[in-house]
Amino acid sequence: MAAGLACALVIGACGCSFSSESTSTSTLTTEVTNEDGTTGKTTTESTATVGTDGASSSTFTTSETIVNVDEWEAAWKGTSSTGETIFYAQSPDDYSQALLAIYNPDTQALETYIGGYEMVADTALRITDAGNGEAYVIENLSNADENGAVELNLGDVHGTVTLAPCTITELIDAISEVDVDGVFVSK
């Protein structure tokens, strides 16, 4: 990244003091794609600060997970009983991944889960987010009707919803419209 120079002038009751420090930051990003189609991306950032009173260094690591949905075909969207827009998609069976996004138009909040899924009961499915490990359980998941629509229960907070089928491209485009900063979807 860029190196910067910061200077501070401190005036106290007993006189003046001058302090100078130099800061440099470097970033390294690695990316690995697993055989299940999940791409793990790890970014390590190291910051070194050298001041007049010594040198200090700190390092921190953040990571994010990218799931490739290009080959997914099963996607649905709809409006819940609470007025939120619900987006849902599943990968082909051999990957066992799912995506759930809940958009609240009043607060403009986008709650998202994408990662592995498993059936925890005959009509309940749990998605575990690959990025942060949080899980969300969808209850009363119905079989698709003759039009391909599915009904599900998202609990007391998000209500119930009937989702109409759509293409994965339509789903991603719709999520991108509400994810204006590209936090969840990157094309």
C-alpha atoms as a PDB file:
ATOM      1  CA  MET A   1       0.000   0.000   0.000  1.00  0.00           C
ATOM      2  CA  ALA A   2       1.170   3.569   0.476  1.00  0.00           C
ATOM      3  CA  ALA A   3       3.540   4.890   3.070  1.00  0.00           C
ATOM      4  CA  GLY A   4       2.517   7.993   4.933  1.00  0.00           C
ATOM      5  CA  LEU A   5       4.230  10.499   7.189  1.00  0.00           C
ATOM      6  CA  ALA A   6       2.393  11.954  10.153  1.00  0.00           C
ATOM      7  CA  CYS A   7       3.640  14.863  12.223  1.00  0.00           C
ATOM      8  CA  ALA A   8       2.138  16.107  15.452  1.00  0.00           C
ATOM      9  CA  LEU A   9       2.858  19.289  17.371  1.00  0.00           C
ATOM     10  CA  VAL A  10       1.976  19.065  21.029  1.00  0.00           C
ATOM     11  CA  ILE A  11       1.867  22.245  23.111  1.00  0.00           C
ATOM     12  CA  GLY A  12       1.742  21.707  26.860  1.00  0.00           C
ATOM     13  CA  ALA A  13       1.676  23.971  29.853  1.00  0.00           C
ATOM     14  CA  CYS A  14       5.442  23.642  30.300  1.00  0.00           C
ATOM     15  CA  GLY A  15       6.579  24.165  26.719  1.00  0.00           C
ATOM     16  CA  CYS A  16       6.573  22.620  23.268  1.00  0.00           C
ATOM     17  CA  SER A  17       7.212  19.075  22.079  1.00  0.00           C
ATOM     18  CA  PHE A  18       7.606  17.806  18.537  1.00  0.00           C
ATOM     19  CA  SER A  19       7.011  14.194  17.509  1.00  0.00           C
ATOM     20  CA  SER A  20       7.480  12.593  14.119  1.00  0.00           C
ATOM     21  CA  GLU A  21       6.546   9.108  13.021  1.00  0.00           C
ATOM     22  CA  SER A  22       6.591   7.136   9.806  1.00  0.00           C
ATOM     23  CA  THR A  23       4.058   4.440   8.960  1.00  0.00           C
ATOM     24  CA  SER A  24       4.153   1.857   6.191  1.00  0.00           C
ATOM     25  CA  THR A  25       1.552  -0.778   5.375  1.00  0.00           C
ATOM     26  CA  SER A  26       1.829  -3.864   3.192  1.00  0.00           C
ATOM     27  CA  THR A  27      -0.939  -6.239   2.127  1.00  0.00           C
ATOM     28  CA  LEU A  28      -0.778  -9.829   0.886  1.00  0.00           C
ATOM     29  CA  THR A  29      -3.820 -11.630  -0.520  1.00  0.00           C
ATOM     30  CA  THR A  30      -3.997 -15.371  -1.232  1.00  0.00           C
ATOM     31  CA  GLU A  31      -6.896 -17.232  -2.815  1.00  0.00           C
ATOM     32  CA  VAL A  32      -7.628 -20.977  -2.858  1.00  0.00           C
ATOM     33  CA  THR A  33     -10.563 -22.737  -4.569  1.00  0.00           C
ATOM     34  CA  ASN A  34     -11.760 -25.998  -2.998  1.00  0.00           C
ATOM     35  CA  GLU A  35     -13.138 -28.886  -5.033  1.00  0.00           C
ATOM     36  CA  ASP A  36     -16.664 -27.964  -3.850  1.00  0.00           C
ATOM     37  CA  GLY A  37     -16.484 -24.627  -5.684  1.00  0.00           C
ATOM     38  CA  THR A  38     -15.897 -22.458  -2.600  1.00  0.00           C
ATOM     39  CA  THR A  39     -13.135 -19.922  -2.977  1.00  0.00           C
ATOM     40  CA  GLY A  40     -11.438 -18.883   0.223  1.00  0.00           C
ATOM     41  CA  LYS A  41      -9.688 -15.534   0.107  1.00  0.00           C
ATOM     42  CA  THR A  42      -7.399 -14.466   2.939  1.00  0.00           C
ATOM     43  CA  THR A  43      -5.977 -10.985   3.227  1.00  0.00           C
ATOM     44  CA  THR A  44      -3.100 -10.313   5.620  1.00  0.00           C
ATOM     45  CA  GLU A  45      -2.195  -6.711   6.328  1.00  0.00           C
ATOM     46  CA  SER A  46       0.946  -5.716   8.197  1.00  0.00           C
ATOM     47  CA  THR A  47       1.513  -2.218   9.538  1.00  0.00           C
ATOM     48  CA  ALA A  48       4.864  -1.017  10.858  1.00  0.00           C
ATOM     49  CA  THR A  49       5.183   2.278  12.723  1.00  0.00           C
ATOM     50  CA  VAL A  50       8.510   3.880  13.570  1.00  0.00           C
ATOM     51  CA  GLY A  51       8.435   6.865  15.940  1.00  0.00           C
ATOM     52  CA  THR A  52      10.986   8.979  17.760  1.00  0.00           C
ATOM     53  CA  ASP A  53      10.421   6.965  20.904  1.00  0.00           C
ATOM     54  CA  GLY A  54      10.895   3.514  19.362  1.00  0.00           C
ATOM     55  CA  ALA A  55       9.514   1.138  16.774  1.00  0.00           C
ATOM     56  CA  SER A  56       6.330  -0.868  16.978  1.00  0.00           C
ATOM     57  CA  SER A  57       4.751  -3.307  14.587  1.00  0.00           C
ATOM     58  CA  SER A  58       1.297  -4.852  14.452  1.00  0.00           C
ATOM     59  CA  THR A  59      -0.149  -7.467  12.133  1.00  0.00           C
ATOM     60  CA  PHE A  60      -3.762  -8.538  11.676  1.00  0.00           C
ATOM     61  CA  THR A  61      -5.526 -10.938   9.355  1.00  0.00           C
ATOM     62  CA  THR A  62      -9.033 -10.799   7.941  1.00  0.00           C
ATOM     63  CA  SER A  63     -10.633 -13.342   5.676  1.00  0.00           C
ATOM     64  CA  GLU A  64     -13.692 -13.589   3.492  1.00  0.00           C
ATOM     65  CA  THR A  65     -15.217 -16.397   1.495  1.00  0.00           C
ATOM     66  CA  ILE A  66     -16.346 -16.195  -2.092  1.00  0.00           C
ATOM     67  CA  VAL A  67     -18.822 -18.758  -3.404  1.00  0.00           C
ATOM     68  CA  ASN A  68     -19.079 -19.106  -7.167  1.00  0.00           C
ATOM     69  CA  VAL A  69     -22.777 -19.283  -8.162  1.00  0.00           C
ATOM     70  CA  ASP A  70     -22.258 -19.271 -11.945  1.00  0.00           C
ATOM     71  CA  GLU A  71     -23.422 -22.897 -12.354  1.00  0.00           C
ATOM     72  CA  TRP A  72     -26.365 -22.669  -9.948  1.00  0.00           C
ATOM     73  CA  GLU A  73     -29.806 -23.031 -11.520  1.00  0.00           C
ATOM     74  CA  ALA A  74     -32.282 -23.212  -8.606  1.00  0.00           C
ATOM     75  CA  ALA A  75     -33.231 -19.694  -7.487  1.00  0.00           C
ATOM     76  CA  TRP A  76     -36.312 -18.000  -6.012  1.00  0.00           C
ATOM     77  CA  LYS A  77     -37.352 -14.563  -4.773  1.00  0.00           C
ATOM     78  CA  GLY A  78     -40.398 -13.006  -3.127  1.00  0.00           C
ATOM     79  CA  THR A  79     -41.767 -10.678  -0.451  1.00  0.00           C
ATOM     80  CA  SER A  80     -42.303 -11.951   3.086  1.00  0.00           C
ATOM     81  CA  SER A  81     -45.293 -11.321   5.355  1.00  0.00           C
ATOM     82  CA  THR A  82     -43.134  -8.686   7.101  1.00  0.00           C
ATOM     83  CA  GLY A  83     -42.560  -6.766   3.839  1.00  0.00           C
ATOM     84  CA  GLU A  84     -38.953  -7.872   3.357  1.00  0.00           C
ATOM     85  CA  THR A  85     -37.552  -9.090   0.045  1.00  0.00           C
ATOM     86  CA  ILE A  86     -36.289 -12.665   0.320  1.00  0.00           C
ATOM     87  CA  PHE A  87     -33.751 -14.201  -2.064  1.00  0.00           C
ATOM     88  CA  TYR A  88     -32.917 -17.912  -1.995  1.00  0.00           C
ATOM     89  CA  ALA A  89     -30.800 -20.182  -4.209  1.00  0.00           C
ATOM     90  CA  GLN A  90     -29.261 -23.654  -4.063  1.00  0.00           C
ATOM     91  CA  SER A  91     -26.254 -25.117  -5.789  1.00  0.00           C
ATOM     92  CA  PRO A  92     -26.452 -28.360  -7.712  1.00  0.00           C
ATOM     93  CA  ASP A  93     -26.755 -31.276  -5.248  1.00  0.00           C
ATOM     94  CA  ASP A  94     -23.110 -32.295  -5.506  1.00  0.00           C
ATOM     95  CA  TYR A  95     -21.997 -29.014  -3.852  1.00  0.00           C
ATOM     96  CA  SER A  96     -24.725 -28.731  -1.143  1.00  0.00           C
ATOM     97  CA  GLN A  97     -24.466 -24.957  -0.875  1.00  0.00           C
ATOM     98  CA  ALA A  98     -27.249 -22.394  -0.494  1.00  0.00           C
ATOM     99  CA  LEU A  99     -27.736 -18.644  -0.434  1.00  0.00           C
ATOM    100  CA  LEU A 100     -30.291 -16.745   1.649  1.00  0.00           C
ATOM    101  CA  ALA A 101     -30.519 -12.951   1.549  1.00  0.00           C
ATOM    102  CA  ILE A 102     -33.120 -10.910   3.418  1.00  0.00           C
ATOM    103  CA  TYR A 103     -33.527  -7.247   2.467  1.00  0.00           C
ATOM    104  CA  ASN A 104     -35.490  -4.826   4.630  1.00  0.00           C
ATOM    105  CA  PRO A 105     -36.555  -1.862   2.443  1.00  0.00           C
ATOM    106  CA  ASP A 106     -37.374   0.293   5.494  1.00  0.00           C
ATOM    107  CA  THR A 107     -33.918   0.072   7.081  1.00  0.00           C
ATOM    108  CA  GLN A 108     -32.071  -0.885   3.855  1.00  0.00           C
ATOM    109  CA  ALA A 109     -30.373  -3.666   5.839  1.00  0.00           C
ATOM    110  CA  LEU A 110     -29.261  -6.766   3.935  1.00  0.00           C
ATOM    111  CA  GLU A 111     -28.893  -9.932   6.049  1.00  0.00           C
ATOM    112  CA  THR A 112     -27.040 -12.680   4.171  1.00  0.00           C
ATOM    113  CA  TYR A 113     -26.060 -16.314   4.547  1.00  0.00           C
ATOM    114  CA  ILE A 114     -24.151 -18.297   1.939  1.00  0.00           C
ATOM    115  CA  GLY A 115     -22.425 -21.610   2.449  1.00  0.00           C
ATOM    116  CA  GLY A 116     -23.114 -25.264   3.104  1.00  0.00           C
ATOM    117  CA  TYR A 117     -26.625 -26.446   3.884  1.00  0.00           C
ATOM    118  CA  GLU A 118     -28.117 -29.547   5.413  1.00  0.00           C
ATOM    119  CA  MET A 119     -31.596 -30.817   6.078  1.00  0.00           C
ATOM    120  CA  VAL A 120     -32.073 -30.871   9.858  1.00  0.00           C
ATOM    121  CA  ALA A 121     -35.636 -32.251   9.641  1.00  0.00           C
ATOM    122  CA  ASP A 122     -38.004 -33.318   6.863  1.00  0.00           C
ATOM    123  CA  THR A 123     -38.990 -29.708   6.164  1.00  0.00           C
ATOM    124  CA  ALA A 124     -36.194 -27.718   7.861  1.00  0.00           C
ATOM    125  CA  LEU A 125     -32.927 -26.645   6.291  1.00  0.00           C
ATOM    126  CA  ARG A 126     -29.908 -25.044   7.994  1.00  0.00           C
ATOM    127  CA  ILE A 127     -27.521 -22.802   6.041  1.00  0.00           C
ATOM    128  CA  THR A 128     -24.133 -22.183   7.663  1.00  0.00           C
ATOM    129  CA  ASP A 129     -22.448 -19.040   6.387  1.00  0.00           C
ATOM    130  CA  ALA A 130     -19.001 -19.877   5.027  1.00  0.00           C
ATOM    131  CA  GLY A 131     -17.617 -16.476   5.973  1.00  0.00           C
ATOM    132  CA  ASN A 132     -18.591 -16.096   9.624  1.00  0.00           C
ATOM    133  CA  GLY A 133     -19.930 -19.534  10.616  1.00  0.00           C
ATOM    134  CA  GLU A 134     -23.362 -18.211  11.626  1.00  0.00           C
ATOM    135  CA  ALA A 135     -26.289 -20.507  10.835  1.00  0.00           C
ATOM    136  CA  TYR A 136     -29.878 -19.795   9.819  1.00  0.00           C
ATOM    137  CA  VAL A 137     -32.648 -22.379   9.923  1.00  0.00           C
ATOM    138  CA  ILE A 138     -35.489 -22.221   7.417  1.00  0.00           C
ATOM    139  CA  GLU A 139     -38.540 -24.064   8.721  1.00  0.00           C
ATOM    140  CA  ASN A 140     -41.577 -25.528   6.956  1.00  0.00           C
ATOM    141  CA  LEU A 141     -39.818 -25.611   3.631  1.00  0.00           C
ATOM    142  CA  SER A 142     -42.412 -26.876   1.151  1.00  0.00           C
ATOM    143  CA  ASN A 143     -41.926 -28.826  -2.022  1.00  0.00           C
ATOM    144  CA  ALA A 144     -42.247 -26.728  -5.159  1.00  0.00           C
ATOM    145  CA  ASP A 145     -45.800 -26.370  -6.494  1.00  0.00           C
ATOM    146  CA  GLU A 146     -46.805 -26.820 -10.149  1.00  0.00           C
ATOM    147  CA  ASN A 147     -45.409 -23.340 -10.933  1.00  0.00           C
ATOM    148  CA  GLY A 148     -42.121 -23.990  -9.112  1.00  0.00           C
ATOM    149  CA  ALA A 149     -42.977 -21.730  -6.144  1.00  0.00           C
ATOM    150  CA  VAL A 150     -41.908 -22.739  -2.630  1.00  0.00           C
ATOM    151  CA  GLU A 151     -43.186 -21.620   0.755  1.00  0.00           C
ATOM    152  CA  LEU A 152     -41.015 -21.247   3.811  1.00  0.00           C
ATOM    153  CA  ASN A 153     -41.078 -19.933   7.342  1.00  0.00           C
ATOM    154  CA  LEU A 154     -38.265 -17.583   8.346  1.00  0.00           C
ATOM    155  CA  GLY A 155     -39.397 -17.305  11.966  1.00  0.00           C
ATOM    156  CA  ASP A 156     -41.006 -14.538  13.989  1.00  0.00           C
ATOM    157  CA  VAL A 157     -38.635 -11.813  12.826  1.00  0.00           C
ATOM    158  CA  HIS A 158     -38.863 -12.336   9.051  1.00  0.00           C
ATOM    159  CA  GLY A 159     -42.241 -14.095   8.738  1.00  0.00           C
ATOM    160  CA  THR A 160     -43.407 -16.442   6.017  1.00  0.00           C
ATOM    161  CA  VAL A 161     -42.887 -16.140   2.294  1.00  0.00           C
ATOM    162  CA  THR A 162     -43.907 -17.724  -0.988  1.00  0.00           C
ATOM    163  CA  LEU A 163     -40.939 -17.570  -3.341  1.00  0.00           C
ATOM    164  CA  ALA A 164     -41.376 -17.602  -7.111  1.00  0.00           C
ATOM    165  CA  PRO A 165     -38.710 -19.260  -9.252  1.00  0.00           C
ATOM    166  CA  CYS A 166     -36.291 -17.077 -11.207  1.00  0.00           C
ATOM    167  CA  THR A 167     -32.962 -17.512 -12.957  1.00  0.00           C
ATOM    168  CA  ILE A 168     -29.744 -17.192 -10.978  1.00  0.00           C
ATOM    169  CA  THR A 169     -28.889 -14.152 -13.117  1.00  0.00           C
ATOM    170  CA  GLU A 170     -32.191 -12.469 -12.181  1.00  0.00           C
ATOM    171  CA  LEU A 171     -31.536 -13.270  -8.524  1.00  0.00           C
ATOM    172  CA  ILE A 172     -28.000 -11.865  -8.535  1.00  0.00           C
ATOM    173  CA  ASP A 173     -29.138  -8.756 -10.412  1.00  0.00           C
ATOM    174  CA  ALA A 174     -31.925  -8.186  -7.860  1.00  0.00           C
ATOM    175  CA  ILE A 175     -29.540  -8.630  -4.918  1.00  0.00           C
ATOM    176  CA  SER A 176     -27.016  -6.289  -6.595  1.00  0.00           C
ATOM    177  CA  GLU A 177     -29.673  -3.566  -6.758  1.00  0.00           C
ATOM    178  CA  VAL A 178     -30.005  -3.562  -2.958  1.00  0.00           C
ATOM    179  CA  ASP A 179     -26.351  -4.402  -2.241  1.00  0.00           C
ATOM    180  CA  VAL A 180     -25.213  -1.085  -3.674  1.00  0.00           C
ATOM    181  CA  ASP A 181     -21.749  -1.230  -2.067  1.00  0.00           C
ATOM    182  CA  GLY A 182     -21.057  -4.725  -3.424  1.00  0.00           C
ATOM    183  CA  VAL A 183     -20.489  -6.149   0.062  1.00  0.00           C
ATOM    184  CA  PHE A 184     -22.293  -9.431  -0.662  1.00  0.00           C
ATOM    185  CA  VAL A 185     -22.276  -9.770  -4.454  1.00  0.00           C
ATOM    186  CA  SER A 186     -19.272  -9.128  -6.645  1.00  0.00           C
ATOM    187  CA  LYS A 187     -19.688  -9.735 -10.336  1.00  0.00           C
END
